């Protein structure tokens, strides 16, 4: 399974996600930062944008709290 990408276009301090491995992209393209892979147990902070990601086992892999922070690549060249 591919590592899912998440963004913080809402500029919140924390995003709860349902996976332990992720790519943070910052905000939405074309203003995203380098896509950084992170692996966490409970939480992790992105060194580029400072977003804290926290694991929530009540969420599905593409579900986030706040909603809408999962990023779906539509262009295969953007991977």
PDB file of N, CA and C in Angstrom:
ATOM      1  N   UNK A   1       0.831  -1.178   0.000  1.00  0.00           N
ATOM      2  CA  UNK A   1       0.000   0.000   0.000  1.00  0.00           C
ATOM      3  C   UNK A   1       0.882   1.251   0.000  1.00  0.00           C
ATOM      4  N   UNK A   2       0.501   2.236  -0.779  1.00  0.00           N
ATOM      5  CA  UNK A   2       1.252   3.482  -0.850  1.00  0.00           C
ATOM      6  C   UNK A   2       1.108   4.262   0.451  1.00  0.00           C
ATOM      7  N   UNK A   3       2.119   5.037   0.763  1.00  0.00           N
ATOM      8  CA  UNK A   3       2.061   5.899   1.943  1.00  0.00           C
ATOM      9  C   UNK A   3       1.135   7.073   1.622  1.00  0.00           C
ATOM     10  N   UNK A   4       0.140   7.303   2.462  1.00  0.00           N
ATOM     11  CA  UNK A   4      -0.842   8.355   2.232  1.00  0.00           C
ATOM     12  C   UNK A   4      -0.246   9.726   2.513  1.00  0.00           C
ATOM     13  N   UNK A   5      -0.766  10.735   1.788  1.00  0.00           N
ATOM     14  CA  UNK A   5      -0.303  12.117   1.952  1.00  0.00           C
ATOM     15  C   UNK A   5      -1.375  12.933   2.655  1.00  0.00           C
ATOM     16  N   UNK A   6      -0.912  13.824   3.542  1.00  0.00           N
ATOM     17  CA  UNK A   6      -1.810  14.691   4.289  1.00  0.00           C
ATOM     18  C   UNK A   6      -1.310  16.128   4.200  1.00  0.00           C
ATOM     19  N   UNK A   7      -2.247  17.072   4.215  1.00  0.00           N
ATOM     20  CA  UNK A   7      -1.903  18.497   4.139  1.00  0.00           C
ATOM     21  C   UNK A   7      -2.537  19.242   5.302  1.00  0.00           C
ATOM     22  N   UNK A   8      -2.038  20.463   5.518  1.00  0.00           N
ATOM     23  CA  UNK A   8      -2.584  21.307   6.572  1.00  0.00           C
ATOM     24  C   UNK A   8      -2.961  22.673   5.993  1.00  0.00           C
ATOM     25  N   UNK A   9      -3.764  22.672   4.949  1.00  0.00           N
ATOM     26  CA  UNK A   9      -4.209  23.916   4.325  1.00  0.00           C
ATOM     27  C   UNK A   9      -5.092  24.725   5.276  1.00  0.00           C
ATOM     28  N   UNK A  10      -5.647  24.085   6.304  1.00  0.00           N
ATOM     29  CA  UNK A  10      -6.495  24.770   7.278  1.00  0.00           C
ATOM     30  C   UNK A  10      -5.673  25.460   8.377  1.00  0.00           C
ATOM     31  N   UNK A  11      -4.371  25.221   8.383  1.00  0.00           N
ATOM     32  CA  UNK A  11      -3.448  25.816   9.364  1.00  0.00           C
ATOM     33  C   UNK A  11      -3.852  25.522  10.808  1.00  0.00           C
ATOM     34  N   UNK A  12      -4.195  24.266  11.077  1.00  0.00           N
ATOM     35  CA  UNK A  12      -4.520  23.849  12.443  1.00  0.00           C
ATOM     36  C   UNK A  12      -3.241  23.346  13.119  1.00  0.00           C
ATOM     37  N   UNK A  13      -3.232  23.297  14.431  1.00  0.00           N
ATOM     38  CA  UNK A  13      -2.050  22.842  15.158  1.00  0.00           C
ATOM     39  C   UNK A  13      -1.888  21.327  15.112  1.00  0.00           C
ATOM     40  N   UNK A  14      -3.013  20.597  15.083  1.00  0.00           N
ATOM     41  CA  UNK A  14      -2.950  19.139  15.138  1.00  0.00           C
ATOM     42  C   UNK A  14      -3.959  18.523  14.185  1.00  0.00           C
ATOM     43  N   UNK A  15      -3.528  17.439  13.534  1.00  0.00           N
ATOM     44  CA  UNK A  15      -4.402  16.666  12.659  1.00  0.00           C
ATOM     45  C   UNK A  15      -4.376  15.226  13.143  1.00  0.00           C
ATOM     46  N   UNK A  16      -5.543  14.673  13.415  1.00  0.00           N
ATOM     47  CA  UNK A  16      -5.646  13.269  13.809  1.00  0.00           C
ATOM     48  C   UNK A  16      -5.860  12.432  12.558  1.00  0.00           C
ATOM     49  N   UNK A  17      -5.101  11.349  12.457  1.00  0.00           N
ATOM     50  CA  UNK A  17      -5.179  10.483  11.282  1.00  0.00           C
ATOM     51  C   UNK A  17      -5.239   9.026  11.719  1.00  0.00           C
ATOM     52  N   UNK A  18      -5.679   8.159  10.798  1.00  0.00           N
ATOM     53  CA  UNK A  18      -5.860   6.749  11.112  1.00  0.00           C
ATOM     54  C   UNK A  18      -4.749   5.841  10.623  1.00  0.00           C
ATOM     55  N   UNK A  19      -3.544   6.379  10.386  1.00  0.00           N
ATOM     56  CA  UNK A  19      -2.391   5.577   9.960  1.00  0.00           C
ATOM     57  C   UNK A  19      -1.162   5.996  10.764  1.00  0.00           C
ATOM     58  N   UNK A  20      -0.175   5.093  10.824  1.00  0.00           N
ATOM     59  CA  UNK A  20       1.071   5.383  11.541  1.00  0.00           C
ATOM     60  C   UNK A  20       2.151   5.939  10.621  1.00  0.00           C
ATOM     61  N   UNK A  21       2.038   5.690   9.324  1.00  0.00           N
ATOM     62  CA  UNK A  21       3.014   6.177   8.355  1.00  0.00           C
ATOM     63  C   UNK A  21       2.340   7.195   7.450  1.00  0.00           C
ATOM     64  N   UNK A  22       3.026   8.288   7.154  1.00  0.00           N
ATOM     65  CA  UNK A  22       2.419   9.336   6.348  1.00  0.00           C
ATOM     66  C   UNK A  22       3.473  10.159   5.631  1.00  0.00           C
ATOM     67  N   UNK A  23       3.008  10.890   4.630  1.00  0.00           N
ATOM     68  CA  UNK A  23       3.784  11.938   3.991  1.00  0.00           C
ATOM     69  C   UNK A  23       3.072  13.240   4.287  1.00  0.00           C
ATOM     70  N   UNK A  24       3.787  14.196   4.895  1.00  0.00           N
ATOM     71  CA  UNK A  24       3.233  15.530   5.091  1.00  0.00           C
ATOM     72  C   UNK A  24       3.657  16.366   3.888  1.00  0.00           C
ATOM     73  N   UNK A  25       2.707  17.099   3.307  1.00  0.00           N
ATOM     74  CA  UNK A  25       3.035  17.952   2.161  1.00  0.00           C
ATOM     75  C   UNK A  25       2.880  19.432   2.504  1.00  0.00           C
ATOM     76  N   UNK A  26       2.551  19.744   3.750  1.00  0.00           N
ATOM     77  CA  UNK A  26       2.380  21.143   4.157  1.00  0.00           C
ATOM     78  C   UNK A  26       1.004  21.638   3.774  1.00  0.00           C
ATOM     79  N   UNK A  27       0.962  22.541   2.810  1.00  0.00           N
ATOM     80  CA  UNK A  27      -0.311  23.021   2.304  1.00  0.00           C
ATOM     81  C   UNK A  27      -0.533  22.397   0.924  1.00  0.00           C
ATOM     82  N   UNK A  28      -1.564  22.816   0.231  1.00  0.00           N
ATOM     83  CA  UNK A  28      -1.883  22.213  -1.064  1.00  0.00           C
ATOM     84  C   UNK A  28      -0.966  22.729  -2.172  1.00  0.00           C
ATOM     85  N   UNK A  29      -0.664  21.873  -3.174  1.00  0.00           N
ATOM     86  CA  UNK A  29       0.124  22.326  -4.317  1.00  0.00           C
ATOM     87  C   UNK A  29      -0.567  23.498  -5.000  1.00  0.00           C
ATOM     88  N   UNK A  30       0.155  24.426  -5.525  1.00  0.00           N
ATOM     89  CA  UNK A  30       1.600  24.420  -5.760  1.00  0.00           C
ATOM     90  C   UNK A  30       2.413  25.008  -4.614  1.00  0.00           C
ATOM     91  N   UNK A  31       1.822  25.234  -3.464  1.00  0.00           N
ATOM     92  CA  UNK A  31       2.527  25.862  -2.344  1.00  0.00           C
ATOM     93  C   UNK A  31       2.975  24.850  -1.288  1.00  0.00           C
ATOM     94  N   UNK A  32       3.005  23.579  -1.647  1.00  0.00           N
ATOM     95  CA  UNK A  32       3.392  22.531  -0.710  1.00  0.00           C
ATOM     96  C   UNK A  32       4.896  22.583  -0.435  1.00  0.00           C
ATOM     97  N   UNK A  33       5.291  22.011   0.707  1.00  0.00           N
ATOM     98  CA  UNK A  33       6.717  21.885   1.005  1.00  0.00           C
ATOM     99  C   UNK A  33       7.186  20.517   0.525  1.00  0.00           C
ATOM    100  N   UNK A  34       8.490  20.224   0.576  1.00  0.00           N
ATOM    101  CA  UNK A  34       8.928  18.878   0.187  1.00  0.00           C
ATOM    102  C   UNK A  34       8.119  17.819   0.942  1.00  0.00           C
ATOM    103  N   UNK A  35       7.704  16.805   0.232  1.00  0.00           N
ATOM    104  CA  UNK A  35       6.882  15.751   0.823  1.00  0.00           C
ATOM    105  C   UNK A  35       7.773  14.890   1.705  1.00  0.00           C
ATOM    106  N   UNK A  36       7.504  14.917   3.006  1.00  0.00           N
ATOM    107  CA  UNK A  36       8.378  14.258   3.963  1.00  0.00           C
ATOM    108  C   UNK A  36       7.682  13.047   4.583  1.00  0.00           C
ATOM    109  N   UNK A  37       8.387  11.918   4.541  1.00  0.00           N
ATOM    110  CA  UNK A  37       7.884  10.678   5.135  1.00  0.00           C
ATOM    111  C   UNK A  37       8.096  10.725   6.640  1.00  0.00           C
ATOM    112  N   UNK A  38       7.066  10.334   7.378  1.00  0.00           N
ATOM    113  CA  UNK A  38       7.171  10.251   8.827  1.00  0.00           C
ATOM    114  C   UNK A  38       6.487   8.979   9.314  1.00  0.00           C
ATOM    115  N   UNK A  39       7.020   8.425  10.371  1.00  0.00           N
ATOM    116  CA  UNK A  39       6.484   7.225  11.001  1.00  0.00           C
ATOM    117  C   UNK A  39       6.288   7.567  12.474  1.00  0.00           C
ATOM    118  N   UNK A  40       5.143   7.207  13.028  1.00  0.00           N
ATOM    119  CA  UNK A  40       4.875   7.582  14.412  1.00  0.00           C
ATOM    120  C   UNK A  40       4.243   6.440  15.186  1.00  0.00           C
ATOM    121  N   UNK A  41       4.361   6.532  16.489  1.00  0.00           N
ATOM    122  CA  UNK A  41       3.617   5.654  17.383  1.00  0.00           C
ATOM    123  C   UNK A  41       2.336   6.375  17.794  1.00  0.00           C
ATOM    124  N   UNK A  42       2.485   7.463  18.571  1.00  0.00           N
ATOM    125  CA  UNK A  42       1.334   8.230  19.055  1.00  0.00           C
ATOM    126  C   UNK A  42       1.182   9.547  18.301  1.00  0.00           C
ATOM    127  N   UNK A  43       2.299  10.283  18.138  1.00  0.00           N
ATOM    128  CA  UNK A  43       2.250  11.548  17.414  1.00  0.00           C
ATOM    129  C   UNK A  43       3.632  11.880  16.868  1.00  0.00           C
ATOM    130  N   UNK A  44       3.641  12.814  15.910  1.00  0.00           N
ATOM    131  CA  UNK A  44       4.892  13.268  15.302  1.00  0.00           C
ATOM    132  C   UNK A  44       4.665  14.702  14.809  1.00  0.00           C
ATOM    133  N   UNK A  45       5.725  15.503  14.824  1.00  0.00           N
ATOM    134  CA  UNK A  45       5.643  16.881  14.348  1.00  0.00           C
ATOM    135  C   UNK A  45       6.468  17.002  13.071  1.00  0.00           C
ATOM    136  N   UNK A  46       5.869  17.594  12.029  1.00  0.00           N
ATOM    137  CA  UNK A  46       6.569  17.797  10.766  1.00  0.00           C
ATOM    138  C   UNK A  46       7.656  18.863  10.961  1.00  0.00           C
ATOM    139  N   UNK A  47       8.910  18.551  10.595  1.00  0.00           N
ATOM    140  CA  UNK A  47       9.982  19.533  10.767  1.00  0.00           C
ATOM    141  C   UNK A  47       9.892  20.721   9.793  1.00  0.00           C
ATOM    142  N   UNK A  48       9.113  20.584   8.730  1.00  0.00           N
ATOM    143  CA  UNK A  48       8.969  21.690   7.776  1.00  0.00           C
ATOM    144  C   UNK A  48       7.895  22.680   8.195  1.00  0.00           C
ATOM    145  N   UNK A  49       6.701  22.192   8.504  1.00  0.00           N
ATOM    146  CA  UNK A  49       5.578  23.105   8.749  1.00  0.00           C
ATOM    147  C   UNK A  49       5.120  23.135  10.201  1.00  0.00           C
ATOM    148  N   UNK A  50       5.623  22.230  11.034  1.00  0.00           N
ATOM    149  CA  UNK A  50       5.273  22.232  12.445  1.00  0.00           C
ATOM    150  C   UNK A  50       3.933  21.601  12.783  1.00  0.00           C
ATOM    151  N   UNK A  51       3.264  21.006  11.800  1.00  0.00           N
ATOM    152  CA  UNK A  51       1.985  20.344  12.065  1.00  0.00           C
ATOM    153  C   UNK A  51       2.214  19.098  12.912  1.00  0.00           C
ATOM    154  N   UNK A  52       1.423  18.941  13.960  1.00  0.00           N
ATOM    155  CA  UNK A  52       1.467  17.711  14.749  1.00  0.00           C
ATOM    156  C   UNK A  52       0.415  16.754  14.194  1.00  0.00           C
ATOM    157  N   UNK A  53       0.853  15.543  13.877  1.00  0.00           N
ATOM    158  CA  UNK A  53      -0.043  14.472  13.462  1.00  0.00           C
ATOM    159  C   UNK A  53      -0.164  13.519  14.634  1.00  0.00           C
ATOM    160  N   UNK A  54      -1.400  13.147  14.957  1.00  0.00           N
ATOM    161  CA  UNK A  54      -1.652  12.237  16.074  1.00  0.00           C
ATOM    162  C   UNK A  54      -2.464  11.050  15.566  1.00  0.00           C
ATOM    163  N   UNK A  55      -2.014   9.846  15.911  1.00  0.00           N
ATOM    164  CA  UNK A  55      -2.729   8.636  15.510  1.00  0.00           C
ATOM    165  C   UNK A  55      -4.026   8.518  16.291  1.00  0.00           C
ATOM    166  N   UNK A  56      -5.095   8.170  15.571  1.00  0.00           N
ATOM    167  CA  UNK A  56      -6.414   7.965  16.171  1.00  0.00           C
ATOM    168  C   UNK A  56      -6.967   6.664  15.582  1.00  0.00           C
ATOM    169  N   UNK A  57      -7.004   5.598  16.382  1.00  0.00           N
ATOM    170  CA  UNK A  57      -7.440   4.294  15.859  1.00  0.00           C
ATOM    171  C   UNK A  57      -8.923   4.243  15.531  1.00  0.00           C
ATOM    172  N   UNK A  58      -9.659   5.295  15.824  1.00  0.00           N
ATOM    173  CA  UNK A  58     -11.066   5.368  15.451  1.00  0.00           C
ATOM    174  C   UNK A  58     -11.293   5.912  14.052  1.00  0.00           C
ATOM    175  N   UNK A  59     -10.218   6.301  13.369  1.00  0.00           N
ATOM    176  CA  UNK A  59     -10.331   6.863  12.021  1.00  0.00           C
ATOM    177  C   UNK A  59      -9.884   5.861  10.968  1.00  0.00           C
ATOM    178  N   UNK A  60     -10.518   5.898   9.818  1.00  0.00           N
ATOM    179  CA  UNK A  60     -10.109   5.098   8.674  1.00  0.00           C
ATOM    180  C   UNK A  60      -8.841   5.726   8.071  1.00  0.00           C
ATOM    181  N   UNK A  61      -8.080   4.999   7.229  1.00  0.00           N
ATOM    182  CA  UNK A  61      -6.816   5.518   6.712  1.00  0.00           C
ATOM    183  C   UNK A  61      -6.888   6.892   6.032  1.00  0.00           C
ATOM    184  N   UNK A  62      -7.923   7.169   5.268  1.00  0.00           N
ATOM    185  CA  UNK A  62      -7.995   8.463   4.582  1.00  0.00           C
ATOM    186  C   UNK A  62      -8.863   9.482   5.321  1.00  0.00           C
ATOM    187  N   UNK A  63      -9.356   9.112   6.486  1.00  0.00           N
ATOM    188  CA  UNK A  63     -10.202   9.998   7.287  1.00  0.00           C
ATOM    189  C   UNK A  63      -9.319  10.839   8.216  1.00  0.00           C
ATOM    190  N   UNK A  64      -9.649  12.115   8.375  1.00  0.00           N
ATOM    191  CA  UNK A  64      -8.878  12.994   9.247  1.00  0.00           C
ATOM    192  C   UNK A  64      -9.802  13.799  10.153  1.00  0.00           C
ATOM    193  N   UNK A  65      -9.228  14.277  11.242  1.00  0.00           N
ATOM    194  CA  UNK A  65      -9.940  15.187  12.134  1.00  0.00           C
ATOM    195  C   UNK A  65      -8.993  16.339  12.432  1.00  0.00           C
ATOM    196  N   UNK A  66      -9.232  17.546  11.906  1.00  0.00           N
ATOM    197  CA  UNK A  66     -10.426  17.984  11.188  1.00  0.00           C
ATOM    198  C   UNK A  66     -10.530  17.313   9.815  1.00  0.00           C
ATOM    199  N   UNK A  67     -11.752  17.236   9.295  1.00  0.00           N
ATOM    200  CA  UNK A  67     -11.972  16.587   8.002  1.00  0.00           C
ATOM    201  C   UNK A  67     -11.282  17.316   6.852  1.00  0.00           C
ATOM    202  N   UNK A  68     -10.955  16.545   5.808  1.00  0.00           N
ATOM    203  CA  UNK A  68     -10.456  17.126   4.562  1.00  0.00           C
ATOM    204  C   UNK A  68      -8.966  17.318   4.461  1.00  0.00           C
ATOM    205  N   UNK A  69      -8.170  16.702   5.326  1.00  0.00           N
ATOM    206  CA  UNK A  69      -6.718  16.905   5.301  1.00  0.00           C
ATOM    207  C   UNK A  69      -5.963  15.809   4.548  1.00  0.00           C
ATOM    208  N   UNK A  70      -6.660  14.830   4.011  1.00  0.00           N
ATOM    209  CA  UNK A  70      -6.012  13.802   3.192  1.00  0.00           C
ATOM    210  C   UNK A  70      -5.833  14.366   1.792  1.00  0.00           C
ATOM    211  N   UNK A  71      -4.658  14.143   1.175  1.00  0.00           N
ATOM    212  CA  UNK A  71      -4.378  14.616  -0.171  1.00  0.00           C
ATOM    213  C   UNK A  71      -4.313  13.429  -1.116  1.00  0.00           C
ATOM    214  N   UNK A  72      -5.106  13.481  -2.163  1.00  0.00           N
ATOM    215  CA  UNK A  72      -5.143  12.416  -3.177  1.00  0.00           C
ATOM    216  C   UNK A  72      -4.434  12.911  -4.428  1.00  0.00           C
ATOM    217  N   UNK A  73      -3.341  12.237  -4.812  1.00  0.00           N
ATOM    218  CA  UNK A  73      -2.645  12.589  -6.053  1.00  0.00           C
ATOM    219  C   UNK A  73      -3.539  12.319  -7.248  1.00  0.00           C
ATOM    220  N   UNK A  74      -3.722  13.315  -8.096  1.00  0.00           N
ATOM    221  CA  UNK A  74      -4.475  13.108  -9.327  1.00  0.00           C
ATOM    222  C   UNK A  74      -3.554  13.005 -10.522  1.00  0.00           C
ATOM    223  N   UNK A  75      -2.306  13.473 -10.369  1.00  0.00           N
ATOM    224  CA  UNK A  75      -1.314  13.430 -11.437  1.00  0.00           C
ATOM    225  C   UNK A  75      -0.240  12.429 -11.047  1.00  0.00           C
ATOM    226  N   UNK A  76      -0.111  11.297 -11.760  1.00  0.00           N
ATOM    227  CA  UNK A  76       0.875  10.281 -11.364  1.00  0.00           C
ATOM    228  C   UNK A  76       2.313  10.793 -11.387  1.00  0.00           C
ATOM    229  N   UNK A  77       2.594  11.886 -12.119  1.00  0.00           N
ATOM    230  CA  UNK A  77       3.936  12.451 -12.152  1.00  0.00           C
ATOM    231  C   UNK A  77       4.274  13.212 -10.872  1.00  0.00           C
ATOM    232  N   UNK A  78       3.287  13.462 -10.007  1.00  0.00           N
ATOM    233  CA  UNK A  78       3.503  14.202  -8.765  1.00  0.00           C
ATOM    234  C   UNK A  78       3.968  13.290  -7.625  1.00  0.00           C
ATOM    235  N   UNK A  79       4.123  12.011  -7.852  1.00  0.00           N
ATOM    236  CA  UNK A  79       4.512  11.069  -6.795  1.00  0.00           C
ATOM    237  C   UNK A  79       5.972  11.119  -6.485  1.00  0.00           C
TER     238      UNK A  79
END
